Amino acid sequence: MSTYIVNPVVVRMKESAKGSIYQSIVAMGLRSRQINDNIKTQLSARLENVETDQDESEGPNFDKMAISREFDQLAKPTFLAMKEIHDGLLSFRIPEKTDKV
């Protein structure tokens, strides 16, 4: 997953079968936000468990820096959402219009 090569034509053709490409983009955006929130929660939990023996003004905390670097190497949430929808792991339902009088 280190390469970010996505063929937009294949994505467009695959998602047009489900509806509008714009609806697919909205679904990918929502999933991307969910992935991002999950990553933030994991990062906060990991950083919370790191003990701080020194005052922040004395110098950098190398444990926190190592954890941050580890999370920086993860794939971007948007790419992960695109990959999920392309691989068929993400499904979405388009609500039907209802006539209300």
C-alpha atoms as a PDB file:
ATOM      1  CA  MET A   1       0.000   0.000   0.000  1.00  0.00           C
ATOM      2  CA  SER A   2       3.000   2.262  -0.217  1.00  0.00           C
ATOM      3  CA  THR A   3       2.091   3.370  -3.739  1.00  0.00           C
ATOM      4  CA  TYR A   4      -0.848   5.655  -4.308  1.00  0.00           C
ATOM      5  CA  ILE A   5      -1.685   4.616  -7.840  1.00  0.00           C
ATOM      6  CA  VAL A   6      -5.435   4.692  -8.399  1.00  0.00           C
ATOM      7  CA  ASN A   7      -6.889   4.529 -11.858  1.00  0.00           C
ATOM      8  CA  PRO A   8      -9.702   7.125 -11.895  1.00  0.00           C
ATOM      9  CA  VAL A   9     -11.342   5.590 -14.962  1.00  0.00           C
ATOM     10  CA  VAL A  10     -11.725   2.200 -13.250  1.00  0.00           C
ATOM     11  CA  VAL A  11     -13.063   3.848 -10.084  1.00  0.00           C
ATOM     12  CA  ARG A  12     -15.544   5.908 -12.108  1.00  0.00           C
ATOM     13  CA  MET A  13     -16.775   2.890 -14.090  1.00  0.00           C
ATOM     14  CA  LYS A  14     -17.097   0.736 -10.982  1.00  0.00           C
ATOM     15  CA  GLU A  15     -18.975   3.360  -8.980  1.00  0.00           C
ATOM     16  CA  SER A  16     -21.280   4.483 -11.785  1.00  0.00           C
ATOM     17  CA  ALA A  17     -23.090   1.156 -11.489  1.00  0.00           C
ATOM     18  CA  LYS A  18     -24.220   2.110  -7.970  1.00  0.00           C
ATOM     19  CA  GLY A  19     -25.354   5.587  -8.820  1.00  0.00           C
ATOM     20  CA  SER A  20     -23.848   8.974  -9.330  1.00  0.00           C
ATOM     21  CA  ILE A  21     -20.098   9.376  -8.998  1.00  0.00           C
ATOM     22  CA  TYR A  22     -20.832  12.304  -6.687  1.00  0.00           C
ATOM     23  CA  GLN A  23     -22.717  10.014  -4.290  1.00  0.00           C
ATOM     24  CA  SER A  24     -19.746   7.673  -4.315  1.00  0.00           C
ATOM     25  CA  ILE A  25     -17.426  10.553  -3.506  1.00  0.00           C
ATOM     26  CA  VAL A  26     -19.642  11.586  -0.595  1.00  0.00           C
ATOM     27  CA  ALA A  27     -19.602   8.001   0.705  1.00  0.00           C
ATOM     28  CA  MET A  28     -15.803   7.880   0.408  1.00  0.00           C
ATOM     29  CA  GLY A  29     -15.524  11.228   2.186  1.00  0.00           C
ATOM     30  CA  LEU A  30     -17.664  10.039   5.083  1.00  0.00           C
ATOM     31  CA  ARG A  31     -15.650   6.825   5.378  1.00  0.00           C
ATOM     32  CA  SER A  32     -12.431   8.825   5.203  1.00  0.00           C
ATOM     33  CA  ARG A  33     -13.586  10.906   8.179  1.00  0.00           C
ATOM     34  CA  GLN A  34     -14.394   7.730  10.125  1.00  0.00           C
ATOM     35  CA  ILE A  35     -10.926   6.325   9.414  1.00  0.00           C
ATOM     36  CA  ASN A  36      -9.303   9.622  10.390  1.00  0.00           C
ATOM     37  CA  ASP A  37     -11.242   9.754  13.680  1.00  0.00           C
ATOM     38  CA  ASN A  38     -10.197   6.177  14.430  1.00  0.00           C
ATOM     39  CA  ILE A  39      -6.535   7.014  13.786  1.00  0.00           C
ATOM     40  CA  LYS A  40      -6.765  10.100  16.022  1.00  0.00           C
ATOM     41  CA  THR A  41      -8.291   8.022  18.817  1.00  0.00           C
ATOM     42  CA  GLN A  42      -5.542   5.410  18.537  1.00  0.00           C
ATOM     43  CA  LEU A  43      -2.836   8.089  18.504  1.00  0.00           C
ATOM     44  CA  SER A  44      -4.281   9.854  21.540  1.00  0.00           C
ATOM     45  CA  ALA A  45      -4.508   6.565  23.452  1.00  0.00           C
ATOM     46  CA  ARG A  46      -0.910   5.670  22.624  1.00  0.00           C
ATOM     47  CA  LEU A  47       0.410   9.126  23.512  1.00  0.00           C
ATOM     48  CA  GLU A  48      -1.572   9.118  26.753  1.00  0.00           C
ATOM     49  CA  ASN A  49       0.238   5.979  27.914  1.00  0.00           C
ATOM     50  CA  VAL A  50       3.677   7.516  27.398  1.00  0.00           C
ATOM     51  CA  GLU A  51       5.206   8.575  30.667  1.00  0.00           C
ATOM     52  CA  THR A  52       6.762  12.004  30.793  1.00  0.00           C
ATOM     53  CA  ASP A  53       9.782  11.934  33.071  1.00  0.00           C
ATOM     54  CA  GLN A  54      10.972  15.334  32.036  1.00  0.00           C
ATOM     55  CA  ASP A  55       9.472  18.738  31.636  1.00  0.00           C
ATOM     56  CA  GLU A  56       8.517  19.617  28.051  1.00  0.00           C
ATOM     57  CA  SER A  57      10.775  22.663  28.180  1.00  0.00           C
ATOM     58  CA  GLU A  58      13.882  20.512  28.783  1.00  0.00           C
ATOM     59  CA  GLY A  59      13.780  18.883  25.368  1.00  0.00           C
ATOM     60  CA  PRO A  60      11.839  16.610  23.071  1.00  0.00           C
ATOM     61  CA  ASN A  61      10.223  13.421  24.285  1.00  0.00           C
ATOM     62  CA  PHE A  62      11.633  10.738  21.996  1.00  0.00           C
ATOM     63  CA  ASP A  63       8.938   8.192  22.846  1.00  0.00           C
ATOM     64  CA  LYS A  64       6.217  10.581  21.672  1.00  0.00           C
ATOM     65  CA  MET A  65       8.213  11.404  18.562  1.00  0.00           C
ATOM     66  CA  ALA A  66       8.585   7.704  17.696  1.00  0.00           C
ATOM     67  CA  ILE A  67       4.846   7.125  18.061  1.00  0.00           C
ATOM     68  CA  SER A  68       4.081  10.177  15.926  1.00  0.00           C
ATOM     69  CA  ARG A  69       6.458   8.995  13.204  1.00  0.00           C
ATOM     70  CA  GLU A  70       4.798   5.585  13.231  1.00  0.00           C
ATOM     71  CA  PHE A  71       1.385   7.166  12.619  1.00  0.00           C
ATOM     72  CA  ASP A  72       2.809   9.492   9.962  1.00  0.00           C
ATOM     73  CA  GLN A  73       3.776   6.446   7.898  1.00  0.00           C
ATOM     74  CA  LEU A  74       0.184   5.180   7.697  1.00  0.00           C
ATOM     75  CA  ALA A  75      -1.647   5.588   4.428  1.00  0.00           C
ATOM     76  CA  LYS A  76      -3.900   8.619   4.131  1.00  0.00           C
ATOM     77  CA  PRO A  77      -7.541   8.081   5.186  1.00  0.00           C
ATOM     78  CA  THR A  78      -8.834   9.196   1.773  1.00  0.00           C
ATOM     79  CA  PHE A  79      -6.708   6.604   0.006  1.00  0.00           C
ATOM     80  CA  LEU A  80      -7.849   3.887   2.415  1.00  0.00           C
ATOM     81  CA  ALA A  81     -11.507   4.798   1.790  1.00  0.00           C
ATOM     82  CA  MET A  82     -10.967   4.733  -1.980  1.00  0.00           C
ATOM     83  CA  LYS A  83      -9.288   1.346  -1.713  1.00  0.00           C
ATOM     84  CA  GLU A  84     -12.149  -0.014   0.426  1.00  0.00           C
ATOM     85  CA  ILE A  85     -14.800   1.085  -2.043  1.00  0.00           C
ATOM     86  CA  HIS A  86     -12.775  -0.204  -4.990  1.00  0.00           C
ATOM     87  CA  ASP A  87     -12.245  -3.606  -3.351  1.00  0.00           C
ATOM     88  CA  GLY A  88     -15.942  -3.874  -2.509  1.00  0.00           C
ATOM     89  CA  LEU A  89     -15.383  -3.617   1.253  1.00  0.00           C
ATOM     90  CA  LEU A  90     -17.389  -0.415   1.583  1.00  0.00           C
ATOM     91  CA  SER A  91     -21.017  -0.319   0.654  1.00  0.00           C
ATOM     92  CA  PHE A  92     -23.468   2.515   0.876  1.00  0.00           C
ATOM     93  CA  ARG A  93     -27.170   2.882   0.365  1.00  0.00           C
ATOM     94  CA  ILE A  94     -28.700   5.777  -1.469  1.00  0.00           C
ATOM     95  CA  PRO A  95     -31.977   6.751   0.198  1.00  0.00           C
ATOM     96  CA  GLU A  96     -34.990   6.638  -2.040  1.00  0.00           C
ATOM     97  CA  LYS A  97     -37.017   9.754  -2.546  1.00  0.00           C
ATOM     98  CA  THR A  98     -40.330   9.773  -0.747  1.00  0.00           C
ATOM     99  CA  ASP A  99     -43.249  11.929  -1.724  1.00  0.00           C
ATOM    100  CA  LYS A 100     -44.559  13.759   1.305  1.00  0.00           C
ATOM    101  CA  VAL A 101     -47.643  15.860   0.912  1.00  0.00           C
END
